[in-house]
């Protein structure tokens, strides 16, 4: 089994077998990744399509990995993440020809032992943001390959001297089978009789194991769950991401928002709304590549007097925003 520390996009590996030192990023943007596979893009099983093999993230289904101590380095922020896909849909009430995402949440945790407290558990994603599973009999919006989702954690919760146990599960009690829950990505592990570093726990009830004795239930020796740690070096003094050229226009009952985002390795962009320009709320889906053009649905169309702005985030977690634009009141 390979444990890798990914420092650049075409990084060299620090394999458990060859004993090479961890390769750290020399960029102020590119993070260091600790994961089971050679790279994040190697997790192509299940979450992207094909058979799901029952790899669902559930109320009763938790996936656990044991990652090595994080490599020593100068880091400012830490994230834990998972590759998720194939969120399920259901017919819209009274409009069965339309489908909607089954709502739910996914959480992740990190600990130095295979037991996790509430302080070691973090919200990771809502199903409305996870790419949806296609339906051969109906139109489904948002279909696509699985994507990586990240939750920031205190840097102090990442161990640099002992193994890190990561877990992914759902507190949504409806997610008890693959037909209703999102799917976790996976990678084929190299054959070998080495130490087990991944497990499935099917005894949870919406919370991760609190005691270490029974948490590591079913060992996984041929497949590795798509779960990782991301360590970010201190950022530059100047803003790492800039958002500009915001335009807002009406298109029938919808509002069309466009903007540009500049920076190194911009990962995702979205639209935010506010009534007072102090508290902002995301009102769009994520777009992960340009052009950054958003058609806000009718239920998200802002009222006159509401401010809109564009926002974007790079792979290090740095966020940039545009100036706000106020939706004008109708002339009297």
C-alpha atoms as a PDB file:
ATOM      1  CA  UNK A   1       0.000   0.000   0.000  1.00  0.00           C
ATOM      2  CA  UNK A   2       1.314   3.435  -0.934  1.00  0.00           C
ATOM      3  CA  UNK A   3       1.062   6.438   1.336  1.00  0.00           C
ATOM      4  CA  UNK A   4       1.780   9.621  -0.575  1.00  0.00           C
ATOM      5  CA  UNK A   5       2.605  13.205   0.282  1.00  0.00           C
ATOM      6  CA  UNK A   6       1.662  15.296  -2.747  1.00  0.00           C
ATOM      7  CA  UNK A   7       3.470  18.620  -2.816  1.00  0.00           C
ATOM      8  CA  UNK A   8       3.082  19.787  -6.435  1.00  0.00           C
ATOM      9  CA  UNK A   9       0.721  18.892  -9.246  1.00  0.00           C
ATOM     10  CA  UNK A  10       3.199  16.400 -10.695  1.00  0.00           C
ATOM     11  CA  UNK A  11       4.715  15.562  -7.334  1.00  0.00           C
ATOM     12  CA  UNK A  12       7.115  12.836  -6.391  1.00  0.00           C
ATOM     13  CA  UNK A  13       5.868  10.340  -3.823  1.00  0.00           C
ATOM     14  CA  UNK A  14       7.008   9.641  -0.313  1.00  0.00           C
ATOM     15  CA  UNK A  15       6.180   5.958  -0.288  1.00  0.00           C
ATOM     16  CA  UNK A  16       5.873   3.941   2.873  1.00  0.00           C
ATOM     17  CA  UNK A  17       7.901   1.172   1.292  1.00  0.00           C
ATOM     18  CA  UNK A  18      10.857   3.138  -0.070  1.00  0.00           C
ATOM     19  CA  UNK A  19      11.291   5.407   2.947  1.00  0.00           C
ATOM     20  CA  UNK A  20      11.798   8.567   0.906  1.00  0.00           C
ATOM     21  CA  UNK A  21      11.448  11.828   2.833  1.00  0.00           C
ATOM     22  CA  UNK A  22       8.193  13.710   2.425  1.00  0.00           C
ATOM     23  CA  UNK A  23       8.223  16.166  -0.473  1.00  0.00           C
ATOM     24  CA  UNK A  24       6.959  19.543   0.727  1.00  0.00           C
ATOM     25  CA  UNK A  25       5.548  22.316  -1.381  1.00  0.00           C
ATOM     26  CA  UNK A  26       7.820  25.273  -2.025  1.00  0.00           C
ATOM     27  CA  UNK A  27       4.872  27.326  -3.314  1.00  0.00           C
ATOM     28  CA  UNK A  28       2.810  29.690  -1.183  1.00  0.00           C
ATOM     29  CA  UNK A  29      -0.289  28.383  -2.978  1.00  0.00           C
ATOM     30  CA  UNK A  30       0.162  24.659  -3.697  1.00  0.00           C
ATOM     31  CA  UNK A  31      -0.593  22.617  -0.571  1.00  0.00           C
ATOM     32  CA  UNK A  32       0.906  19.367   0.664  1.00  0.00           C
ATOM     33  CA  UNK A  33      -1.509  16.413   0.488  1.00  0.00           C
ATOM     34  CA  UNK A  34      -1.365  13.298   2.669  1.00  0.00           C
ATOM     35  CA  UNK A  35      -3.417  10.407   1.281  1.00  0.00           C
ATOM     36  CA  UNK A  36      -3.343   6.677   0.501  1.00  0.00           C
ATOM     37  CA  UNK A  37      -3.119   6.995  -3.293  1.00  0.00           C
ATOM     38  CA  UNK A  38      -0.298   8.402  -5.422  1.00  0.00           C
ATOM     39  CA  UNK A  39      -2.493  11.425  -6.247  1.00  0.00           C
ATOM     40  CA  UNK A  40      -5.940  12.895  -5.673  1.00  0.00           C
ATOM     41  CA  UNK A  41      -6.962  12.197  -9.274  1.00  0.00           C
ATOM     42  CA  UNK A  42      -6.293   8.470  -8.833  1.00  0.00           C
ATOM     43  CA  UNK A  43      -9.519   8.004  -6.865  1.00  0.00           C
ATOM     44  CA  UNK A  44     -11.599   7.177  -9.954  1.00  0.00           C
ATOM     45  CA  UNK A  45     -13.653   4.274  -8.593  1.00  0.00           C
ATOM     46  CA  UNK A  46     -17.369   4.500  -7.697  1.00  0.00           C
ATOM     47  CA  UNK A  47     -17.918   8.273  -7.239  1.00  0.00           C
ATOM     48  CA  UNK A  48     -17.452   8.993 -10.955  1.00  0.00           C
ATOM     49  CA  UNK A  49     -19.884   6.385 -12.282  1.00  0.00           C
ATOM     50  CA  UNK A  50     -20.258   2.692 -13.011  1.00  0.00           C
ATOM     51  CA  UNK A  51     -21.030   0.272 -10.217  1.00  0.00           C
ATOM     52  CA  UNK A  52     -21.183   1.954  -6.807  1.00  0.00           C
ATOM     53  CA  UNK A  53     -20.265  -1.342  -5.036  1.00  0.00           C
ATOM     54  CA  UNK A  54     -22.271  -0.077  -2.047  1.00  0.00           C
ATOM     55  CA  UNK A  55     -19.642   2.568  -1.266  1.00  0.00           C
ATOM     56  CA  UNK A  56     -22.177   4.994   0.105  1.00  0.00           C
ATOM     57  CA  UNK A  57     -21.568   7.566   2.823  1.00  0.00           C
ATOM     58  CA  UNK A  58     -24.300   6.865   5.301  1.00  0.00           C
ATOM     59  CA  UNK A  59     -25.981   7.188   8.642  1.00  0.00           C
ATOM     60  CA  UNK A  60     -24.938   3.571   9.198  1.00  0.00           C
ATOM     61  CA  UNK A  61     -21.847   3.462   6.972  1.00  0.00           C
ATOM     62  CA  UNK A  62     -18.539   5.135   7.900  1.00  0.00           C
ATOM     63  CA  UNK A  63     -15.241   4.962   6.032  1.00  0.00           C
ATOM     64  CA  UNK A  64     -11.960   5.179   7.951  1.00  0.00           C
ATOM     65  CA  UNK A  65      -8.340   5.588   6.875  1.00  0.00           C
ATOM     66  CA  UNK A  66      -5.106   5.588   8.852  1.00  0.00           C
ATOM     67  CA  UNK A  67      -2.687   8.130   7.410  1.00  0.00           C
ATOM     68  CA  UNK A  68       0.925   8.563   8.539  1.00  0.00           C
ATOM     69  CA  UNK A  69       2.150  11.503  10.609  1.00  0.00           C
ATOM     70  CA  UNK A  70       2.023  14.700   8.578  1.00  0.00           C
ATOM     71  CA  UNK A  71       5.434  15.788   7.281  1.00  0.00           C
ATOM     72  CA  UNK A  72       7.187  18.502   9.238  1.00  0.00           C
ATOM     73  CA  UNK A  73       6.978  21.914   7.591  1.00  0.00           C
ATOM     74  CA  UNK A  74       5.815  25.497   7.879  1.00  0.00           C
ATOM     75  CA  UNK A  75       2.028  25.294   7.582  1.00  0.00           C
ATOM     76  CA  UNK A  76      -0.613  27.901   8.324  1.00  0.00           C
ATOM     77  CA  UNK A  77      -3.860  25.989   7.690  1.00  0.00           C
ATOM     78  CA  UNK A  78      -5.089  22.397   7.561  1.00  0.00           C
ATOM     79  CA  UNK A  79      -8.039  20.734   5.835  1.00  0.00           C
ATOM     80  CA  UNK A  80      -9.520  17.241   5.702  1.00  0.00           C
ATOM     81  CA  UNK A  81     -11.437  16.149   2.649  1.00  0.00           C
ATOM     82  CA  UNK A  82     -13.134  13.422   0.653  1.00  0.00           C
ATOM     83  CA  UNK A  83     -14.133  12.815  -2.953  1.00  0.00           C
ATOM     84  CA  UNK A  84     -17.922  12.599  -3.165  1.00  0.00           C
ATOM     85  CA  UNK A  85     -20.310  12.042  -6.036  1.00  0.00           C
ATOM     86  CA  UNK A  86     -23.605  10.599  -7.250  1.00  0.00           C
ATOM     87  CA  UNK A  87     -25.968  12.471  -4.936  1.00  0.00           C
ATOM     88  CA  UNK A  88     -29.412  10.938  -5.328  1.00  0.00           C
ATOM     89  CA  UNK A  89     -32.597  12.602  -6.529  1.00  0.00           C
ATOM     90  CA  UNK A  90     -36.328  12.073  -6.039  1.00  0.00           C
ATOM     91  CA  UNK A  91     -39.477  13.300  -7.819  1.00  0.00           C
ATOM     92  CA  UNK A  92     -40.597  16.785  -6.864  1.00  0.00           C
ATOM     93  CA  UNK A  93     -43.913  16.637  -4.960  1.00  0.00           C
ATOM     94  CA  UNK A  94     -46.833  17.375  -7.307  1.00  0.00           C
ATOM     95  CA  UNK A  95     -44.368  17.567 -10.250  1.00  0.00           C
ATOM     96  CA  UNK A  96     -43.138  13.984 -10.700  1.00  0.00           C
ATOM     97  CA  UNK A  97     -41.572  14.785 -14.089  1.00  0.00           C
ATOM     98  CA  UNK A  98     -39.037  16.963 -12.228  1.00  0.00           C
ATOM     99  CA  UNK A  99     -36.392  15.699  -9.822  1.00  0.00           C
ATOM    100  CA  UNK A 100     -34.733  17.258  -6.787  1.00  0.00           C
ATOM    101  CA  UNK A 101     -31.658  16.354  -4.769  1.00  0.00           C
ATOM    102  CA  UNK A 102     -32.396  14.327  -1.631  1.00  0.00           C
ATOM    103  CA  UNK A 103     -31.178  16.693   1.097  1.00  0.00           C
ATOM    104  CA  UNK A 104     -28.509  15.579   3.510  1.00  0.00           C
ATOM    105  CA  UNK A 105     -25.089  16.293   4.927  1.00  0.00           C
ATOM    106  CA  UNK A 106     -21.684  14.629   5.026  1.00  0.00           C
ATOM    107  CA  UNK A 107     -19.216  15.026   7.892  1.00  0.00           C
ATOM    108  CA  UNK A 108     -15.547  14.151   8.352  1.00  0.00           C
ATOM    109  CA  UNK A 109     -13.369  13.724  11.421  1.00  0.00           C
ATOM    110  CA  UNK A 110      -9.711  13.518  12.379  1.00  0.00           C
ATOM    111  CA  UNK A 111      -8.094  12.008  15.461  1.00  0.00           C
ATOM    112  CA  UNK A 112      -4.837  10.481  16.648  1.00  0.00           C
ATOM    113  CA  UNK A 113      -6.840   7.353  17.590  1.00  0.00           C
ATOM    114  CA  UNK A 114      -9.761   5.553  15.873  1.00  0.00           C
ATOM    115  CA  UNK A 115     -12.324   7.405  18.014  1.00  0.00           C
ATOM    116  CA  UNK A 116     -13.754  10.855  17.358  1.00  0.00           C
ATOM    117  CA  UNK A 117     -15.359  13.422  19.652  1.00  0.00           C
ATOM    118  CA  UNK A 118     -17.720  16.174  18.533  1.00  0.00           C
ATOM    119  CA  UNK A 119     -14.760  18.600  18.608  1.00  0.00           C
ATOM    120  CA  UNK A 120     -12.979  16.335  16.113  1.00  0.00           C
ATOM    121  CA  UNK A 121     -15.950  16.227  13.714  1.00  0.00           C
ATOM    122  CA  UNK A 122     -16.462  18.764  10.922  1.00  0.00           C
ATOM    123  CA  UNK A 123     -19.150  19.537   8.343  1.00  0.00           C
ATOM    124  CA  UNK A 124     -17.894  18.602   4.884  1.00  0.00           C
ATOM    125  CA  UNK A 125     -20.668  19.007   2.297  1.00  0.00           C
ATOM    126  CA  UNK A 126     -24.375  19.177   1.583  1.00  0.00           C
ATOM    127  CA  UNK A 127     -25.804  16.923  -1.086  1.00  0.00           C
ATOM    128  CA  UNK A 128     -27.046  19.935  -3.059  1.00  0.00           C
ATOM    129  CA  UNK A 129     -23.383  20.707  -3.795  1.00  0.00           C
ATOM    130  CA  UNK A 130     -22.346  17.130  -4.623  1.00  0.00           C
ATOM    131  CA  UNK A 131     -22.550  16.120  -8.318  1.00  0.00           C
ATOM    132  CA  UNK A 132     -25.784  14.241  -8.936  1.00  0.00           C
ATOM    133  CA  UNK A 133     -26.252  10.732 -10.259  1.00  0.00           C
ATOM    134  CA  UNK A 134     -27.788  10.502 -13.714  1.00  0.00           C
ATOM    135  CA  UNK A 135     -31.230   8.980 -14.195  1.00  0.00           C
ATOM    136  CA  UNK A 136     -31.814   7.179 -17.516  1.00  0.00           C
ATOM    137  CA  UNK A 137     -35.532   7.938 -17.335  1.00  0.00           C
ATOM    138  CA  UNK A 138     -35.505  11.605 -16.295  1.00  0.00           C
ATOM    139  CA  UNK A 139     -33.627  14.859 -16.610  1.00  0.00           C
ATOM    140  CA  UNK A 140     -31.324  15.570 -13.647  1.00  0.00           C
ATOM    141  CA  UNK A 141     -29.461  18.848 -13.166  1.00  0.00           C
ATOM    142  CA  UNK A 142     -25.910  18.912 -11.843  1.00  0.00           C
ATOM    143  CA  UNK A 143     -24.786  15.503 -13.081  1.00  0.00           C
ATOM    144  CA  UNK A 144     -21.031  15.027 -13.164  1.00  0.00           C
ATOM    145  CA  UNK A 145     -17.989  13.179 -11.891  1.00  0.00           C
ATOM    146  CA  UNK A 146     -17.199  13.155  -8.183  1.00  0.00           C
ATOM    147  CA  UNK A 147     -15.464  16.173  -6.661  1.00  0.00           C
ATOM    148  CA  UNK A 148     -13.215  16.782  -3.677  1.00  0.00           C
ATOM    149  CA  UNK A 149     -14.743  18.633  -0.722  1.00  0.00           C
ATOM    150  CA  UNK A 150     -12.674  20.113   2.109  1.00  0.00           C
ATOM    151  CA  UNK A 151     -13.308  21.185   5.693  1.00  0.00           C
ATOM    152  CA  UNK A 152     -10.829  23.375   7.534  1.00  0.00           C
ATOM    153  CA  UNK A 153      -9.664  21.960  10.863  1.00  0.00           C
ATOM    154  CA  UNK A 154      -7.416  23.430  13.572  1.00  0.00           C
ATOM    155  CA  UNK A 155      -3.806  22.773  12.659  1.00  0.00           C
ATOM    156  CA  UNK A 156      -3.320  21.457  16.189  1.00  0.00           C
ATOM    157  CA  UNK A 157      -5.609  18.514  15.393  1.00  0.00           C
ATOM    158  CA  UNK A 158      -3.220  17.192  12.741  1.00  0.00           C
ATOM    159  CA  UNK A 159      -0.538  14.946  14.213  1.00  0.00           C
ATOM    160  CA  UNK A 160       3.039  15.369  12.998  1.00  0.00           C
ATOM    161  CA  UNK A 161       4.374  12.603  15.271  1.00  0.00           C
ATOM    162  CA  UNK A 162       1.673   9.899  15.273  1.00  0.00           C
ATOM    163  CA  UNK A 163      -0.775   8.444  12.728  1.00  0.00           C
ATOM    164  CA  UNK A 164      -3.885  10.398  11.761  1.00  0.00           C
ATOM    165  CA  UNK A 165      -7.209   8.548  11.667  1.00  0.00           C
ATOM    166  CA  UNK A 166      -9.772  10.133   9.340  1.00  0.00           C
ATOM    167  CA  UNK A 167     -13.430   9.174   9.029  1.00  0.00           C
ATOM    168  CA  UNK A 168     -16.307  10.147   6.694  1.00  0.00           C
ATOM    169  CA  UNK A 169     -19.997   9.544   7.483  1.00  0.00           C
ATOM    170  CA  UNK A 170     -23.443  11.155   7.350  1.00  0.00           C
ATOM    171  CA  UNK A 171     -25.738  12.268  10.188  1.00  0.00           C
ATOM    172  CA  UNK A 172     -28.726  12.127   7.790  1.00  0.00           C
ATOM    173  CA  UNK A 173     -30.903   9.218   8.933  1.00  0.00           C
ATOM    174  CA  UNK A 174     -32.302   8.692   5.425  1.00  0.00           C
ATOM    175  CA  UNK A 175     -28.876   7.717   4.097  1.00  0.00           C
ATOM    176  CA  UNK A 176     -28.942   4.008   4.912  1.00  0.00           C
ATOM    177  CA  UNK A 177     -28.389   2.553   1.441  1.00  0.00           C
ATOM    178  CA  UNK A 178     -26.649   3.387  -1.818  1.00  0.00           C
ATOM    179  CA  UNK A 179     -29.936   4.201  -3.565  1.00  0.00           C
ATOM    180  CA  UNK A 180     -30.461   7.266  -1.376  1.00  0.00           C
ATOM    181  CA  UNK A 181     -26.957   8.343  -0.272  1.00  0.00           C
ATOM    182  CA  UNK A 182     -23.943   9.910  -2.027  1.00  0.00           C
ATOM    183  CA  UNK A 183     -21.012   7.724  -3.032  1.00  0.00           C
ATOM    184  CA  UNK A 184     -17.405   7.930  -1.860  1.00  0.00           C
ATOM    185  CA  UNK A 185     -14.537   7.638  -4.327  1.00  0.00           C
ATOM    186  CA  UNK A 186     -11.941   4.892  -4.066  1.00  0.00           C
ATOM    187  CA  UNK A 187      -8.642   3.721  -5.524  1.00  0.00           C
ATOM    188  CA  UNK A 188      -7.217   0.261  -6.215  1.00  0.00           C
ATOM    189  CA  UNK A 189      -4.404  -0.361  -3.757  1.00  0.00           C
ATOM    190  CA  UNK A 190      -1.248  -2.175  -4.672  1.00  0.00           C
ATOM    191  CA  UNK A 191      -1.233  -5.781  -3.598  1.00  0.00           C
ATOM    192  CA  UNK A 192       0.820  -6.709  -0.585  1.00  0.00           C
ATOM    193  CA  UNK A 193       0.646  -8.066   2.899  1.00  0.00           C
ATOM    194  CA  UNK A 194       1.382  -4.783   4.592  1.00  0.00           C
ATOM    195  CA  UNK A 195      -0.438  -3.060   7.417  1.00  0.00           C
ATOM    196  CA  UNK A 196      -4.166  -2.425   6.946  1.00  0.00           C
ATOM    197  CA  UNK A 197      -4.844   1.302   6.631  1.00  0.00           C
ATOM    198  CA  UNK A 198      -8.540   1.459   5.692  1.00  0.00           C
ATOM    199  CA  UNK A 199     -11.748   0.143   7.230  1.00  0.00           C
ATOM    200  CA  UNK A 200     -15.539   0.191   6.898  1.00  0.00           C
ATOM    201  CA  UNK A 201     -17.720   0.597   9.994  1.00  0.00           C
ATOM    202  CA  UNK A 202     -21.388  -0.381   9.562  1.00  0.00           C
ATOM    203  CA  UNK A 203     -22.404  -0.073  13.219  1.00  0.00           C
ATOM    204  CA  UNK A 204     -22.611   3.704  13.556  1.00  0.00           C
ATOM    205  CA  UNK A 205     -25.913   5.528  14.026  1.00  0.00           C
ATOM    206  CA  UNK A 206     -25.266   8.999  12.641  1.00  0.00           C
ATOM    207  CA  UNK A 207     -22.210   9.734  14.805  1.00  0.00           C
ATOM    208  CA  UNK A 208     -18.632   8.455  14.532  1.00  0.00           C
ATOM    209  CA  UNK A 209     -17.318   5.841  16.978  1.00  0.00           C
ATOM    210  CA  UNK A 210     -16.589   7.413  20.362  1.00  0.00           C
ATOM    211  CA  UNK A 211     -14.529   4.442  21.624  1.00  0.00           C
ATOM    212  CA  UNK A 212     -11.590   2.982  19.795  1.00  0.00           C
ATOM    213  CA  UNK A 213     -12.206  -0.664  20.690  1.00  0.00           C
ATOM    214  CA  UNK A 214     -14.828  -1.487  18.063  1.00  0.00           C
ATOM    215  CA  UNK A 215     -14.366   1.251  15.471  1.00  0.00           C
ATOM    216  CA  UNK A 216     -12.128  -0.627  13.014  1.00  0.00           C
ATOM    217  CA  UNK A 217     -14.630  -3.268  11.896  1.00  0.00           C
ATOM    218  CA  UNK A 218     -14.082  -4.447   8.320  1.00  0.00           C
ATOM    219  CA  UNK A 219     -10.550  -4.104   6.921  1.00  0.00           C
ATOM    220  CA  UNK A 220     -10.130  -2.881   3.339  1.00  0.00           C
ATOM    221  CA  UNK A 221      -6.969  -4.243   1.791  1.00  0.00           C
ATOM    222  CA  UNK A 222      -7.594  -3.860  -1.947  1.00  0.00           C
ATOM    223  CA  UNK A 223      -9.452  -0.534  -2.122  1.00  0.00           C
ATOM    224  CA  UNK A 224      -8.650   2.783  -0.458  1.00  0.00           C
ATOM    225  CA  UNK A 225     -11.326   5.393   0.413  1.00  0.00           C
ATOM    226  CA  UNK A 226     -10.877   8.856  -1.122  1.00  0.00           C
ATOM    227  CA  UNK A 227     -10.015  10.683   2.093  1.00  0.00           C
ATOM    228  CA  UNK A 228      -7.065  13.049   2.576  1.00  0.00           C
ATOM    229  CA  UNK A 229      -5.353  15.768   4.605  1.00  0.00           C
ATOM    230  CA  UNK A 230      -4.387  19.066   2.973  1.00  0.00           C
ATOM    231  CA  UNK A 231      -1.704  21.258   4.574  1.00  0.00           C
ATOM    232  CA  UNK A 232      -1.356  24.849   3.389  1.00  0.00           C
ATOM    233  CA  UNK A 233       1.801  26.957   3.774  1.00  0.00           C
ATOM    234  CA  UNK A 234       1.640  30.614   4.826  1.00  0.00           C
ATOM    235  CA  UNK A 235       0.087  32.710   2.072  1.00  0.00           C
ATOM    236  CA  UNK A 236       1.469  35.757   0.289  1.00  0.00           C
ATOM    237  CA  UNK A 237       0.997  39.253   1.665  1.00  0.00           C
ATOM    238  CA  UNK A 238      -1.056  40.333  -1.357  1.00  0.00           C
ATOM    239  CA  UNK A 239      -4.510  38.774  -2.014  1.00  0.00           C
ATOM    240  CA  UNK A 240      -4.119  35.349  -3.590  1.00  0.00           C
ATOM    241  CA  UNK A 241      -7.492  35.504  -5.400  1.00  0.00           C
ATOM    242  CA  UNK A 242      -9.089  38.551  -6.993  1.00  0.00           C
ATOM    243  CA  UNK A 243     -12.655  38.784  -8.291  1.00  0.00           C
ATOM    244  CA  UNK A 244     -13.682  41.558 -10.687  1.00  0.00           C
ATOM    245  CA  UNK A 245     -15.839  42.458 -13.699  1.00  0.00           C
ATOM    246  CA  UNK A 246     -19.095  41.671 -11.902  1.00  0.00           C
ATOM    247  CA  UNK A 247     -22.188  42.073 -14.063  1.00  0.00           C
ATOM    248  CA  UNK A 248     -25.791  41.408 -13.052  1.00  0.00           C
ATOM    249  CA  UNK A 249     -28.657  41.203 -15.546  1.00  0.00           C
ATOM    250  CA  UNK A 250     -32.230  39.954 -15.607  1.00  0.00           C
ATOM    251  CA  UNK A 251     -33.076  37.046 -17.897  1.00  0.00           C
ATOM    252  CA  UNK A 252     -36.831  36.575 -17.675  1.00  0.00           C
ATOM    253  CA  UNK A 253     -37.625  35.457 -14.125  1.00  0.00           C
ATOM    254  CA  UNK A 254     -33.974  34.704 -13.415  1.00  0.00           C
ATOM    255  CA  UNK A 255     -30.916  36.780 -12.587  1.00  0.00           C
ATOM    256  CA  UNK A 256     -27.701  36.198 -14.533  1.00  0.00           C
ATOM    257  CA  UNK A 257     -24.473  36.923 -12.632  1.00  0.00           C
ATOM    258  CA  UNK A 258     -21.059  36.932 -14.292  1.00  0.00           C
ATOM    259  CA  UNK A 259     -17.586  37.793 -13.062  1.00  0.00           C
ATOM    260  CA  UNK A 260     -13.915  36.974 -13.555  1.00  0.00           C
ATOM    261  CA  UNK A 261     -11.612  35.356 -10.995  1.00  0.00           C
ATOM    262  CA  UNK A 262      -7.832  35.587 -11.139  1.00  0.00           C
ATOM    263  CA  UNK A 263      -5.276  33.736  -9.062  1.00  0.00           C
ATOM    264  CA  UNK A 264      -3.087  30.668  -8.971  1.00  0.00           C
ATOM    265  CA  UNK A 265      -5.122  27.432  -9.064  1.00  0.00           C
ATOM    266  CA  UNK A 266      -8.622  28.883  -8.545  1.00  0.00           C
ATOM    267  CA  UNK A 267     -10.681  25.885  -7.423  1.00  0.00           C
ATOM    268  CA  UNK A 268     -14.284  27.114  -7.258  1.00  0.00           C
ATOM    269  CA  UNK A 269     -16.487  30.187  -7.491  1.00  0.00           C
ATOM    270  CA  UNK A 270     -19.985  31.146  -6.359  1.00  0.00           C
ATOM    271  CA  UNK A 271     -22.401  34.051  -5.812  1.00  0.00           C
ATOM    272  CA  UNK A 272     -23.256  35.559  -2.420  1.00  0.00           C
ATOM    273  CA  UNK A 273     -26.119  37.828  -1.320  1.00  0.00           C
ATOM    274  CA  UNK A 274     -26.544  40.213   1.605  1.00  0.00           C
ATOM    275  CA  UNK A 275     -29.038  42.798   2.817  1.00  0.00           C
ATOM    276  CA  UNK A 276     -26.489  44.854   4.762  1.00  0.00           C
ATOM    277  CA  UNK A 277     -23.099  43.913   3.204  1.00  0.00           C
ATOM    278  CA  UNK A 278     -22.061  42.544   6.606  1.00  0.00           C
ATOM    279  CA  UNK A 279     -23.468  39.025   6.559  1.00  0.00           C
ATOM    280  CA  UNK A 280     -23.229  37.217   3.238  1.00  0.00           C
ATOM    281  CA  UNK A 281     -24.903  33.957   2.212  1.00  0.00           C
ATOM    282  CA  UNK A 282     -24.131  31.774  -0.778  1.00  0.00           C
ATOM    283  CA  UNK A 283     -27.088  31.693  -3.200  1.00  0.00           C
ATOM    284  CA  UNK A 284     -25.628  29.742  -6.118  1.00  0.00           C
ATOM    285  CA  UNK A 285     -24.050  26.408  -6.816  1.00  0.00           C
ATOM    286  CA  UNK A 286     -20.286  26.061  -7.056  1.00  0.00           C
ATOM    287  CA  UNK A 287     -18.644  26.369 -10.468  1.00  0.00           C
ATOM    288  CA  UNK A 288     -15.174  24.814 -10.599  1.00  0.00           C
ATOM    289  CA  UNK A 289     -13.883  26.203 -13.885  1.00  0.00           C
ATOM    290  CA  UNK A 290     -14.443  29.311 -16.001  1.00  0.00           C
ATOM    291  CA  UNK A 291     -16.501  30.951 -17.348  1.00  0.00           C
ATOM    292  CA  UNK A 292     -18.005  32.030 -14.047  1.00  0.00           C
ATOM    293  CA  UNK A 293     -21.587  32.586 -15.170  1.00  0.00           C
ATOM    294  CA  UNK A 294     -24.500  31.834 -12.829  1.00  0.00           C
ATOM    295  CA  UNK A 295     -28.230  31.742 -13.516  1.00  0.00           C
ATOM    296  CA  UNK A 296     -29.918  32.110 -10.157  1.00  0.00           C
ATOM    297  CA  UNK A 297     -33.108  30.020  -9.939  1.00  0.00           C
ATOM    298  CA  UNK A 298     -36.409  31.699  -9.265  1.00  0.00           C
ATOM    299  CA  UNK A 299     -36.376  30.786  -5.560  1.00  0.00           C
ATOM    300  CA  UNK A 300     -32.923  32.392  -5.203  1.00  0.00           C
ATOM    301  CA  UNK A 301     -33.693  35.555  -7.165  1.00  0.00           C
ATOM    302  CA  UNK A 302     -32.774  38.447  -4.828  1.00  0.00           C
ATOM    303  CA  UNK A 303     -35.243  41.134  -3.883  1.00  0.00           C
ATOM    304  CA  UNK A 304     -34.632  44.805  -4.760  1.00  0.00           C
ATOM    305  CA  UNK A 305     -32.185  46.334  -2.300  1.00  0.00           C
ATOM    306  CA  UNK A 306     -30.242  43.084  -1.951  1.00  0.00           C
ATOM    307  CA  UNK A 307     -26.509  43.161  -2.628  1.00  0.00           C
ATOM    308  CA  UNK A 308     -24.810  40.519  -4.761  1.00  0.00           C
ATOM    309  CA  UNK A 309     -21.121  39.754  -5.118  1.00  0.00           C
ATOM    310  CA  UNK A 310     -18.902  37.157  -6.711  1.00  0.00           C
ATOM    311  CA  UNK A 311     -16.575  34.972  -4.657  1.00  0.00           C
ATOM    312  CA  UNK A 312     -13.816  32.520  -5.531  1.00  0.00           C
ATOM    313  CA  UNK A 313     -11.455  30.244  -3.624  1.00  0.00           C
ATOM    314  CA  UNK A 314      -8.106  28.721  -4.598  1.00  0.00           C
ATOM    315  CA  UNK A 315      -6.788  25.288  -3.627  1.00  0.00           C
ATOM    316  CA  UNK A 316      -5.113  26.715  -0.543  1.00  0.00           C
ATOM    317  CA  UNK A 317      -8.456  27.926   0.815  1.00  0.00           C
ATOM    318  CA  UNK A 318      -7.835  31.641   0.195  1.00  0.00           C
ATOM    319  CA  UNK A 319     -11.057  33.481  -0.767  1.00  0.00           C
ATOM    320  CA  UNK A 320     -11.463  36.643  -2.819  1.00  0.00           C
ATOM    321  CA  UNK A 321     -14.657  38.628  -3.363  1.00  0.00           C
ATOM    322  CA  UNK A 322     -15.838  41.353  -5.702  1.00  0.00           C
ATOM    323  CA  UNK A 323     -17.415  44.656  -4.802  1.00  0.00           C
ATOM    324  CA  UNK A 324     -21.100  44.383  -4.003  1.00  0.00           C
ATOM    325  CA  UNK A 325     -23.834  45.265  -6.503  1.00  0.00           C
ATOM    326  CA  UNK A 326     -27.277  46.343  -5.277  1.00  0.00           C
ATOM    327  CA  UNK A 327     -30.356  45.067  -7.075  1.00  0.00           C
ATOM    328  CA  UNK A 328     -32.157  48.316  -7.979  1.00  0.00           C
ATOM    329  CA  UNK A 329     -35.712  49.131  -6.936  1.00  0.00           C
ATOM    330  CA  UNK A 330     -38.274  49.472  -9.681  1.00  0.00           C
ATOM    331  CA  UNK A 331     -38.816  53.080 -10.746  1.00  0.00           C
ATOM    332  CA  UNK A 332     -41.951  54.732  -9.428  1.00  0.00           C
END
